[in-house]
Amino acid sequence: MVKLLSMIFGRVKLYLVAAGAFLVALFAAYSRGRSDKGEAVERERLREYVETRKLMDKVSNDDDPAVLRDWLRERGEQ
């Protein structure tokens, strides 16, 4: 009888350990996905900043008022 109970508790512990390992792996994958999403958003924000900065530098080098006016009009339409 004692041997049977010992065997049952041994299996239960094994299943609990397996379930715990599965939950830890699931949580790790979830947190890694959230981390990757945050990094992707930050990369996109920085990429947009670089593009805007390039446009600003290009426009600031032009002294032609017509070019500046057209740029402002296009920028306002976006």
Protein backbone atom coordinates (compact mmCIF):
# COMPACT_ATOMS: atom_id res chain seq x y z
CA MET A 1 0.00 0.00 0.00
CA VAL A 2 2.77 2.43 0.96
CA LYS A 3 4.65 1.54 -2.19
CA LEU A 4 1.54 2.25 -4.27
CA LEU A 5 1.04 5.66 -2.63
CA SER A 6 4.71 6.47 -3.09
CA MET A 7 4.44 5.58 -6.78
CA ILE A 8 1.30 7.74 -7.20
CA PHE A 9 2.87 10.73 -5.46
CA GLY A 10 6.02 10.27 -7.55
CA ARG A 11 4.00 10.47 -10.74
CA VAL A 12 2.00 13.44 -9.47
CA LYS A 13 5.23 15.29 -8.69
CA LEU A 14 6.51 14.47 -12.17
CA TYR A 15 3.33 15.88 -13.76
CA LEU A 16 3.50 18.99 -11.58
CA VAL A 17 7.12 19.60 -12.57
CA ALA A 18 6.24 19.14 -16.25
CA ALA A 19 3.27 21.53 -15.95
CA GLY A 20 5.45 24.08 -14.14
CA ALA A 21 8.14 23.86 -16.82
CA PHE A 22 5.51 24.35 -19.51
CA LEU A 23 4.13 27.45 -17.76
CA VAL A 24 7.62 28.91 -17.34
CA ALA A 25 8.37 28.33 -21.05
CA LEU A 26 5.04 29.90 -22.02
CA PHE A 27 5.68 32.97 -19.87
CA ALA A 28 9.23 33.32 -21.27
CA ALA A 29 7.93 33.21 -24.85
CA TYR A 30 5.24 35.79 -24.03
CA SER A 31 7.66 38.20 -22.38
CA ARG A 32 10.18 37.79 -25.23
CA GLY A 33 7.45 38.61 -27.75
CA ARG A 34 6.49 41.76 -25.89
CA SER A 35 10.13 42.78 -25.70
CA ASP A 36 10.61 42.23 -29.44
CA LYS A 37 7.47 44.25 -30.19
CA GLY A 38 8.76 47.18 -28.15
CA GLU A 39 12.10 47.08 -29.95
CA ALA A 40 10.37 46.99 -33.35
CA VAL A 41 8.26 50.03 -32.48
CA GLU A 42 11.34 51.92 -31.32
CA ARG A 43 13.23 51.00 -34.51
CA GLU A 44 10.34 52.24 -36.65
CA ARG A 45 10.16 55.50 -34.68
CA LEU A 46 13.88 56.09 -35.16
CA ARG A 47 13.64 55.24 -38.88
CA GLU A 48 10.88 57.82 -39.30
CA TYR A 49 12.98 60.36 -37.41
CA VAL A 50 15.93 59.78 -39.75
CA GLU A 51 13.72 60.19 -42.84
CA THR A 52 12.20 63.40 -41.47
CA ARG A 53 15.63 64.72 -40.53
CA LYS A 54 16.94 64.03 -44.04
CA LEU A 55 14.00 65.92 -45.53
CA MET A 56 14.56 68.83 -43.16
CA ASP A 57 18.26 68.99 -44.02
CA LYS A 58 17.50 68.82 -47.74
CA VAL A 59 15.01 71.65 -47.50
CA SER A 60 17.18 73.80 -45.27
CA ASN A 61 19.91 73.70 -47.93
CA ASP A 62 17.53 75.16 -50.53
CA ASP A 63 17.18 78.92 -50.40
CA ASP A 64 14.53 79.09 -53.12
CA PRO A 65 11.26 80.31 -51.57
CA ALA A 66 9.18 78.37 -54.11
CA VAL A 67 10.84 75.11 -53.07
CA LEU A 68 10.30 75.89 -49.41
CA ARG A 69 6.64 76.78 -50.02
CA ASP A 70 6.06 73.54 -51.97
CA TRP A 71 7.70 71.51 -49.23
CA LEU A 72 5.55 73.10 -46.57
CA ARG A 73 2.41 72.48 -48.63
CA GLU A 74 3.31 68.80 -49.16
CA ARG A 75 4.20 68.39 -45.51
CA GLY A 76 0.86 69.88 -44.46
CA GLU A 77 -1.06 67.47 -46.69
CA GLN A 78 0.48 64.39 -45.07
